[in-house]
Amino acid sequence: MKLLLKTLLGLGFFAAGVLHFLREPNFTKIVPSYIPFKKEIVYISGVMEIIMGVYLIIKKPSEVAKNLINTFLLGVFPANIYMARKEIPLGDKQLSKSALYGRLPLQFVLMKLIRIL
């Protein structure tokens, strides 16, 4: 079961990282306005997600790796809050305000799943 979860999370991180490059404008617009170098941050976070995804697919994460992944997830959380507050579409799909805010707790579910690997 943990192997399946680890693989699914790895594939999810990998896919999200690739999307940072394929759909960079969608990610750039959710970076809060007070943060400079938006495009660069999107690319860097994309590389980080690809690395985390590959790591999860090929290796059982150490406690240090789990902490780093969860720190990354906390680091990108302000973008999700900004997205909800500004009602920014998810790609080309406009979600309802409740759906945008409903996504926020899922970040902590994801962090909990990382912890149990």
N, C-alpha and C. Protein backbone atom coordinates (compact mmCIF):
# COMPACT_ATOMS: atom_id res chain seq x y z
N MET A 1 0.82 -1.20 0.00
CA MET A 1 0.00 0.00 0.00
C MET A 1 0.86 1.26 0.00
N LYS A 2 1.93 1.26 0.85
CA LYS A 2 2.81 2.43 0.88
C LYS A 2 3.54 2.61 -0.44
N LEU A 3 3.88 1.50 -1.09
CA LEU A 3 4.55 1.58 -2.39
C LEU A 3 3.64 2.25 -3.42
N LEU A 4 2.37 1.88 -3.42
CA LEU A 4 1.41 2.48 -4.33
C LEU A 4 1.26 3.97 -4.03
N LEU A 5 1.10 4.32 -2.76
CA LEU A 5 0.96 5.72 -2.36
C LEU A 5 2.20 6.52 -2.75
N LYS A 6 3.37 5.98 -2.48
CA LYS A 6 4.62 6.65 -2.81
C LYS A 6 4.74 6.88 -4.32
N THR A 7 4.35 5.88 -5.09
CA THR A 7 4.41 5.98 -6.55
C THR A 7 3.41 7.02 -7.06
N LEU A 8 2.20 7.00 -6.54
CA LEU A 8 1.19 7.98 -6.96
C LEU A 8 1.60 9.40 -6.61
N LEU A 9 2.12 9.58 -5.40
CA LEU A 9 2.58 10.92 -5.00
C LEU A 9 3.76 11.34 -5.87
N GLY A 10 4.66 10.42 -6.14
CA GLY A 10 5.80 10.73 -7.00
C GLY A 10 5.36 11.15 -8.38
N LEU A 11 4.43 10.41 -8.96
CA LEU A 11 3.91 10.76 -10.28
C LEU A 11 3.19 12.11 -10.25
N GLY A 12 2.47 12.37 -9.17
CA GLY A 12 1.78 13.65 -9.03
C GLY A 12 2.75 14.82 -8.96
N PHE A 13 3.80 14.69 -8.15
CA PHE A 13 4.80 15.74 -8.07
C PHE A 13 5.49 15.93 -9.42
N PHE A 14 5.86 14.81 -10.06
CA PHE A 14 6.54 14.88 -11.35
C PHE A 14 5.67 15.60 -12.38
N ALA A 15 4.40 15.20 -12.46
CA ALA A 15 3.49 15.81 -13.44
C ALA A 15 3.30 17.30 -13.15
N ALA A 16 3.13 17.66 -11.87
CA ALA A 16 2.97 19.07 -11.51
C ALA A 16 4.22 19.86 -11.89
N GLY A 17 5.39 19.27 -11.67
CA GLY A 17 6.63 19.95 -12.03
C GLY A 17 6.74 20.20 -13.52
N VAL A 18 6.38 19.19 -14.31
CA VAL A 18 6.42 19.34 -15.77
C VAL A 18 5.44 20.43 -16.21
N LEU A 19 4.28 20.48 -15.58
CA LEU A 19 3.29 21.51 -15.93
C LEU A 19 3.79 22.92 -15.66
N HIS A 20 4.72 23.07 -14.70
CA HIS A 20 5.30 24.39 -14.45
C HIS A 20 5.99 24.93 -15.70
N PHE A 21 6.49 24.03 -16.54
CA PHE A 21 7.18 24.44 -17.77
C PHE A 21 6.22 24.51 -18.95
N LEU A 22 5.28 23.59 -19.00
CA LEU A 22 4.34 23.57 -20.12
C LEU A 22 3.28 24.66 -20.03
N ARG A 23 2.92 25.02 -18.80
CA ARG A 23 1.86 26.01 -18.58
C ARG A 23 2.33 27.09 -17.61
N GLU A 24 3.53 27.55 -17.82
CA GLU A 24 4.15 28.52 -16.90
C GLU A 24 3.26 29.72 -16.59
N PRO A 25 2.56 30.33 -17.57
CA PRO A 25 1.72 31.50 -17.22
C PRO A 25 0.64 31.18 -16.17
N ASN A 26 0.10 29.98 -16.19
CA ASN A 26 -0.92 29.60 -15.20
C ASN A 26 -0.34 29.61 -13.78
N PHE A 27 0.91 29.19 -13.65
CA PHE A 27 1.54 29.15 -12.34
C PHE A 27 2.05 30.53 -11.93
N THR A 28 2.55 31.30 -12.89
CA THR A 28 3.08 32.63 -12.59
C THR A 28 1.99 33.52 -12.01
N LYS A 29 0.77 33.40 -12.52
CA LYS A 29 -0.28 34.31 -12.03
C LYS A 29 -0.76 33.99 -10.62
N ILE A 30 -0.41 32.82 -10.07
CA ILE A 30 -0.81 32.54 -8.69
C ILE A 30 0.29 32.84 -7.68
N VAL A 31 1.45 33.29 -8.16
CA VAL A 31 2.49 33.73 -7.24
C VAL A 31 2.04 35.08 -6.69
N PRO A 32 1.98 35.22 -5.37
CA PRO A 32 1.50 36.49 -4.78
C PRO A 32 2.23 37.71 -5.33
N SER A 33 1.50 38.80 -5.45
CA SER A 33 2.02 40.02 -6.08
C SER A 33 3.23 40.60 -5.35
N TYR A 34 3.39 40.32 -4.07
CA TYR A 34 4.50 40.89 -3.31
C TYR A 34 5.81 40.11 -3.50
N ILE A 35 5.78 39.03 -4.26
CA ILE A 35 6.97 38.21 -4.49
C ILE A 35 7.57 38.56 -5.85
N PRO A 36 8.87 38.93 -5.87
CA PRO A 36 9.51 39.25 -7.16
C PRO A 36 9.96 37.98 -7.88
N PHE A 37 10.40 38.13 -9.11
CA PHE A 37 10.96 37.03 -9.92
C PHE A 37 9.98 35.86 -10.05
N LYS A 38 8.76 36.18 -10.37
CA LYS A 38 7.69 35.17 -10.43
C LYS A 38 8.01 34.02 -11.39
N LYS A 39 8.42 34.35 -12.60
CA LYS A 39 8.68 33.32 -13.60
C LYS A 39 9.82 32.41 -13.13
N GLU A 40 10.85 32.99 -12.58
CA GLU A 40 11.98 32.22 -12.09
C GLU A 40 11.56 31.29 -10.95
N ILE A 41 10.71 31.80 -10.07
CA ILE A 41 10.21 30.98 -8.96
C ILE A 41 9.39 29.81 -9.49
N VAL A 42 8.60 30.05 -10.50
CA VAL A 42 7.80 28.97 -11.10
C VAL A 42 8.72 27.90 -11.67
N TYR A 43 9.76 28.30 -12.38
CA TYR A 43 10.68 27.32 -12.96
C TYR A 43 11.44 26.56 -11.87
N ILE A 44 11.92 27.27 -10.86
CA ILE A 44 12.66 26.62 -9.78
C ILE A 44 11.76 25.64 -9.03
N SER A 45 10.54 26.06 -8.73
CA SER A 45 9.63 25.15 -8.01
C SER A 45 9.25 23.97 -8.90
N GLY A 46 9.19 24.18 -10.21
CA GLY A 46 8.92 23.08 -11.13
C GLY A 46 10.04 22.05 -11.11
N VAL A 47 11.28 22.53 -11.14
CA VAL A 47 12.43 21.62 -11.06
C VAL A 47 12.40 20.86 -9.73
N MET A 48 12.09 21.58 -8.66
CA MET A 48 12.04 20.93 -7.35
C MET A 48 10.97 19.84 -7.32
N GLU A 49 9.80 20.11 -7.89
CA GLU A 49 8.74 19.10 -7.91
C GLU A 49 9.12 17.90 -8.76
N ILE A 50 9.80 18.13 -9.88
CA ILE A 50 10.26 17.01 -10.70
C ILE A 50 11.25 16.16 -9.91
N ILE A 51 12.18 16.79 -9.24
CA ILE A 51 13.17 16.06 -8.44
C ILE A 51 12.47 15.28 -7.33
N MET A 52 11.54 15.92 -6.63
CA MET A 52 10.82 15.22 -5.55
C MET A 52 10.03 14.05 -6.11
N GLY A 53 9.41 14.23 -7.27
CA GLY A 53 8.64 13.17 -7.87
C GLY A 53 9.50 11.97 -8.23
N VAL A 54 10.62 12.23 -8.89
CA VAL A 54 11.53 11.13 -9.26
C VAL A 54 12.05 10.44 -8.01
N TYR A 55 12.42 11.23 -7.01
CA TYR A 55 12.93 10.68 -5.75
C TYR A 55 11.90 9.74 -5.12
N LEU A 56 10.65 10.19 -5.04
CA LEU A 56 9.61 9.35 -4.44
C LEU A 56 9.37 8.08 -5.24
N ILE A 57 9.49 8.15 -6.55
CA ILE A 57 9.26 6.97 -7.38
C ILE A 57 10.37 5.94 -7.19
N ILE A 58 11.62 6.40 -7.07
CA ILE A 58 12.72 5.43 -7.06
C ILE A 58 13.25 5.07 -5.68
N LYS A 59 12.87 5.82 -4.65
CA LYS A 59 13.47 5.59 -3.34
C LYS A 59 12.46 5.79 -2.22
N LYS A 60 12.64 5.05 -1.14
CA LYS A 60 11.83 5.27 0.06
C LYS A 60 12.37 6.54 0.73
N PRO A 61 11.52 7.53 0.97
CA PRO A 61 12.02 8.79 1.50
C PRO A 61 12.49 8.69 2.95
N SER A 62 13.62 9.31 3.22
CA SER A 62 14.13 9.39 4.60
C SER A 62 13.31 10.44 5.35
N GLU A 63 13.53 10.51 6.64
CA GLU A 63 12.83 11.54 7.43
C GLU A 63 13.25 12.94 6.98
N VAL A 64 14.52 13.10 6.63
CA VAL A 64 14.99 14.40 6.14
C VAL A 64 14.26 14.76 4.84
N ALA A 65 14.14 13.79 3.93
CA ALA A 65 13.44 14.05 2.66
C ALA A 65 11.98 14.39 2.91
N LYS A 66 11.34 13.68 3.80
CA LYS A 66 9.93 13.97 4.12
C LYS A 66 9.79 15.39 4.66
N ASN A 67 10.72 15.78 5.53
CA ASN A 67 10.69 17.14 6.09
C ASN A 67 10.90 18.19 5.00
N LEU A 68 11.83 17.92 4.07
CA LEU A 68 12.08 18.86 2.98
C LEU A 68 10.86 18.98 2.06
N ILE A 69 10.23 17.87 1.74
CA ILE A 69 9.04 17.90 0.89
C ILE A 69 7.92 18.69 1.58
N ASN A 70 7.72 18.42 2.86
CA ASN A 70 6.66 19.13 3.58
C ASN A 70 6.98 20.62 3.75
N THR A 71 8.26 20.95 3.89
CA THR A 71 8.65 22.36 3.95
C THR A 71 8.36 23.04 2.61
N PHE A 72 8.64 22.34 1.53
CA PHE A 72 8.32 22.86 0.19
C PHE A 72 6.81 23.09 0.08
N LEU A 73 6.01 22.13 0.52
CA LEU A 73 4.55 22.26 0.44
C LEU A 73 4.06 23.45 1.25
N LEU A 74 4.67 23.68 2.41
CA LEU A 74 4.31 24.87 3.19
C LEU A 74 4.74 26.14 2.47
N GLY A 75 5.88 26.08 1.80
CA GLY A 75 6.41 27.23 1.08
C GLY A 75 5.54 27.67 -0.08
N VAL A 76 4.89 26.73 -0.73
CA VAL A 76 4.04 27.09 -1.87
C VAL A 76 2.58 27.35 -1.44
N PHE A 77 2.28 27.11 -0.19
CA PHE A 77 0.92 27.30 0.31
C PHE A 77 0.40 28.74 0.10
N PRO A 78 1.25 29.78 0.29
CA PRO A 78 0.75 31.14 0.05
C PRO A 78 0.21 31.34 -1.37
N ALA A 79 0.77 30.63 -2.35
CA ALA A 79 0.25 30.75 -3.72
C ALA A 79 -1.17 30.21 -3.80
N ASN A 80 -1.44 29.14 -3.08
CA ASN A 80 -2.80 28.58 -3.07
C ASN A 80 -3.78 29.51 -2.37
N ILE A 81 -3.33 30.15 -1.30
CA ILE A 81 -4.17 31.13 -0.61
C ILE A 81 -4.44 32.32 -1.53
N TYR A 82 -3.39 32.82 -2.18
CA TYR A 82 -3.51 33.95 -3.11
C TYR A 82 -4.49 33.59 -4.23
N MET A 83 -4.37 32.38 -4.75
CA MET A 83 -5.26 31.92 -5.82
C MET A 83 -6.72 31.96 -5.36
N ALA A 84 -6.96 31.50 -4.13
CA ALA A 84 -8.33 31.50 -3.60
C ALA A 84 -8.83 32.93 -3.36
N ARG A 85 -7.99 33.75 -2.74
CA ARG A 85 -8.41 35.13 -2.43
C ARG A 85 -8.71 35.93 -3.68
N LYS A 86 -7.89 35.75 -4.71
CA LYS A 86 -8.06 36.53 -5.95
C LYS A 86 -8.94 35.82 -6.97
N GLU A 87 -9.44 34.63 -6.60
CA GLU A 87 -10.30 33.82 -7.48
C GLU A 87 -9.67 33.63 -8.87
N ILE A 88 -8.41 33.20 -8.84
CA ILE A 88 -7.67 32.98 -10.08
C ILE A 88 -8.04 31.60 -10.62
N PRO A 89 -8.33 31.52 -11.92
CA PRO A 89 -8.72 30.22 -12.50
C PRO A 89 -7.60 29.17 -12.37
N LEU A 90 -8.01 27.93 -12.31
CA LEU A 90 -7.08 26.81 -12.32
C LEU A 90 -6.86 26.44 -13.78
N GLY A 91 -5.80 27.00 -14.36
CA GLY A 91 -5.59 26.85 -15.80
C GLY A 91 -6.64 27.65 -16.54
N ASP A 92 -7.43 26.98 -17.36
CA ASP A 92 -8.49 27.67 -18.10
C ASP A 92 -9.86 27.42 -17.47
N LYS A 93 -9.86 26.82 -16.28
CA LYS A 93 -11.12 26.49 -15.61
C LYS A 93 -11.30 27.36 -14.36
N GLN A 94 -12.40 28.12 -14.35
CA GLN A 94 -12.70 28.94 -13.18
C GLN A 94 -13.45 28.10 -12.16
N LEU A 95 -12.84 27.92 -11.01
CA LEU A 95 -13.48 27.18 -9.93
C LEU A 95 -14.31 28.14 -9.08
N SER A 96 -15.31 27.60 -8.42
CA SER A 96 -16.10 28.43 -7.50
C SER A 96 -15.21 28.84 -6.33
N LYS A 97 -15.64 29.88 -5.64
CA LYS A 97 -14.89 30.35 -4.48
C LYS A 97 -14.76 29.25 -3.43
N SER A 98 -15.84 28.50 -3.22
CA SER A 98 -15.78 27.42 -2.23
C SER A 98 -14.81 26.32 -2.66
N ALA A 99 -14.73 26.04 -3.96
CA ALA A 99 -13.79 25.03 -4.45
C ALA A 99 -12.35 25.53 -4.28
N LEU A 100 -12.12 26.81 -4.57
CA LEU A 100 -10.77 27.37 -4.41
C LEU A 100 -10.32 27.31 -2.95
N TYR A 101 -11.22 27.65 -2.03
CA TYR A 101 -10.88 27.56 -0.61
C TYR A 101 -10.87 26.11 -0.13
N GLY A 102 -11.69 25.28 -0.74
CA GLY A 102 -11.73 23.86 -0.37
C GLY A 102 -10.45 23.13 -0.71
N ARG A 103 -9.68 23.64 -1.67
CA ARG A 103 -8.40 23.04 -2.04
C ARG A 103 -7.35 23.24 -0.95
N LEU A 104 -7.49 24.28 -0.15
CA LEU A 104 -6.45 24.62 0.83
C LEU A 104 -6.16 23.50 1.84
N PRO A 105 -7.17 22.90 2.45
CA PRO A 105 -6.87 21.83 3.41
C PRO A 105 -6.21 20.60 2.76
N LEU A 106 -6.40 20.45 1.47
CA LEU A 106 -5.79 19.30 0.79
C LEU A 106 -4.27 19.34 0.85
N GLN A 107 -3.71 20.54 0.97
CA GLN A 107 -2.25 20.67 1.10
C GLN A 107 -1.79 19.94 2.38
N PHE A 108 -2.57 20.04 3.44
CA PHE A 108 -2.20 19.41 4.70
C PHE A 108 -2.44 17.90 4.66
N VAL A 109 -3.43 17.48 3.90
CA VAL A 109 -3.65 16.05 3.67
C VAL A 109 -2.44 15.48 2.94
N LEU A 110 -1.98 16.18 1.95
CA LEU A 110 -0.81 15.76 1.18
C LEU A 110 0.42 15.68 2.12
N MET A 111 0.57 16.64 3.00
CA MET A 111 1.69 16.62 3.94
C MET A 111 1.59 15.42 4.88
N LYS A 112 0.39 15.09 5.30
CA LYS A 112 0.20 13.93 6.16
C LYS A 112 0.53 12.63 5.41
N LEU A 113 0.13 12.56 4.16
CA LEU A 113 0.46 11.37 3.35
C LEU A 113 1.96 11.20 3.19
N ILE A 114 2.67 12.30 3.00
CA ILE A 114 4.14 12.25 2.91
C ILE A 114 4.72 11.69 4.20
N ARG A 115 4.16 12.11 5.34
CA ARG A 115 4.67 11.67 6.64
C ARG A 115 4.53 10.14 6.82
N ILE A 116 3.47 9.54 6.27
CA ILE A 116 3.25 8.11 6.52
C ILE A 116 4.02 7.21 5.55
N LEU A 117 4.72 7.77 4.58
CA LEU A 117 5.49 6.93 3.66
C LEU A 117 6.62 6.22 4.37
